[in-house]
Amino acid sequence: MDNTKALQNLKELVKYNLFLRLTDKNKVIMELFVDKFFNEEASKFTLQELKNIFNTADNSFKFFRNYTKSQNDAFWDSILHKKNQ
């Protein structure tokens, strides 16, 4: 499987996992957010690094349920900041 297909599969898995945990209102916001992340930031990571991020984050997805977009942005910014150090 090429990286593009693997990345698309990972993106869909992330969306699926998030959708199981989010209210209807937040699903739209999170879908846009996941799309933005994968379109703009995911290329900075290897597939394994992305899988590790989302495996770790999976335990924390419950807090997305009540988060605003700015809180979600702050969470991902903290992950990206660690990556760029």
Protein backbone atom coordinates (compact mmCIF):
# COMPACT_ATOMS: atom_id res chain seq x y z
CA MET A 1 0.00 0.00 0.00
CA ASP A 2 1.41 3.39 -0.93
CA ASN A 3 1.70 6.19 1.61
CA THR A 4 -1.14 8.21 0.11
CA LYS A 5 -3.60 5.33 0.48
CA ALA A 6 -2.30 4.49 3.98
CA LEU A 7 -2.65 8.14 5.01
CA GLN A 8 -6.21 8.26 3.63
CA ASN A 9 -7.08 5.09 5.56
CA LEU A 10 -5.64 6.55 8.75
CA LYS A 11 -7.60 9.77 8.21
CA GLU A 12 -10.84 7.82 7.82
CA LEU A 13 -10.08 5.77 10.93
CA VAL A 14 -9.48 8.95 12.94
CA LYS A 15 -12.74 10.44 11.71
CA TYR A 16 -14.62 7.25 12.54
CA ASN A 17 -13.17 7.12 16.06
CA LEU A 18 -13.96 10.77 16.64
CA PHE A 19 -17.49 10.46 15.32
CA LEU A 20 -18.25 7.72 17.82
CA ARG A 21 -17.45 10.16 20.60
CA LEU A 22 -18.76 13.51 19.40
CA THR A 23 -22.11 15.25 19.50
CA ASP A 24 -23.70 16.09 16.14
CA LYS A 25 -22.76 19.76 16.45
CA ASN A 26 -19.10 18.98 17.00
CA LYS A 27 -18.86 16.34 14.26
CA VAL A 28 -18.91 19.00 11.55
CA ILE A 29 -16.20 21.04 13.27
CA MET A 30 -14.02 17.99 13.87
CA GLU A 31 -14.36 16.74 10.32
CA LEU A 32 -13.11 20.08 9.05
CA PHE A 33 -10.34 20.05 11.63
CA VAL A 34 -9.19 16.53 10.73
CA ASP A 35 -9.25 17.44 7.03
CA LYS A 36 -7.18 20.56 7.73
CA PHE A 37 -4.68 18.60 9.80
CA PHE A 38 -4.22 15.91 7.16
CA ASN A 39 -4.05 18.43 4.31
CA GLU A 40 -1.63 20.85 5.94
CA GLU A 41 0.29 19.12 8.72
CA ALA A 42 0.33 15.36 8.20
CA SER A 43 3.11 15.51 5.61
CA LYS A 44 5.50 16.62 8.39
CA PHE A 45 5.16 13.18 10.01
CA THR A 46 5.97 9.63 8.96
CA LEU A 47 3.02 7.24 8.86
CA GLN A 48 4.31 5.53 11.99
CA GLU A 49 4.54 8.84 13.84
CA LEU A 50 0.96 9.65 12.84
CA LYS A 51 -0.24 6.26 14.01
CA ASN A 52 1.56 6.76 17.32
CA ILE A 53 -0.01 10.21 17.74
CA PHE A 54 -3.50 8.91 17.08
CA ASN A 55 -3.05 5.78 19.17
CA THR A 56 -2.00 8.00 22.07
CA ALA A 57 -4.72 10.54 21.33
CA ASP A 58 -7.36 7.80 21.12
CA ASN A 59 -7.33 7.60 24.90
CA SER A 60 -7.89 11.33 25.02
CA PHE A 61 -10.56 11.70 22.33
CA LYS A 62 -13.22 11.82 25.04
CA PHE A 63 -12.20 15.39 25.81
CA PHE A 64 -12.92 16.49 22.25
CA ARG A 65 -16.61 15.95 22.92
CA ASN A 66 -17.03 19.26 24.73
CA TYR A 67 -14.10 21.18 23.29
CA THR A 68 -14.41 24.29 21.17
CA LYS A 69 -12.43 24.59 17.95
CA SER A 70 -9.86 26.84 19.65
CA GLN A 71 -9.34 24.25 22.39
CA ASN A 72 -8.90 21.55 19.76
CA ASP A 73 -6.45 23.80 17.89
CA ALA A 74 -4.46 24.26 21.09
CA PHE A 75 -4.32 20.51 21.62
CA TRP A 76 -3.01 19.84 18.12
CA ASP A 77 -0.66 22.82 18.30
CA SER A 78 0.89 21.25 21.39
CA ILE A 79 1.45 18.00 19.48
CA LEU A 80 2.93 19.84 16.50
CA HIS A 81 5.12 21.98 18.76
CA LYS A 82 6.61 18.85 20.32
CA LYS A 83 7.27 17.45 16.84
CA ASN A 84 9.04 20.62 15.70
CA GLN A 85 11.38 20.84 18.71
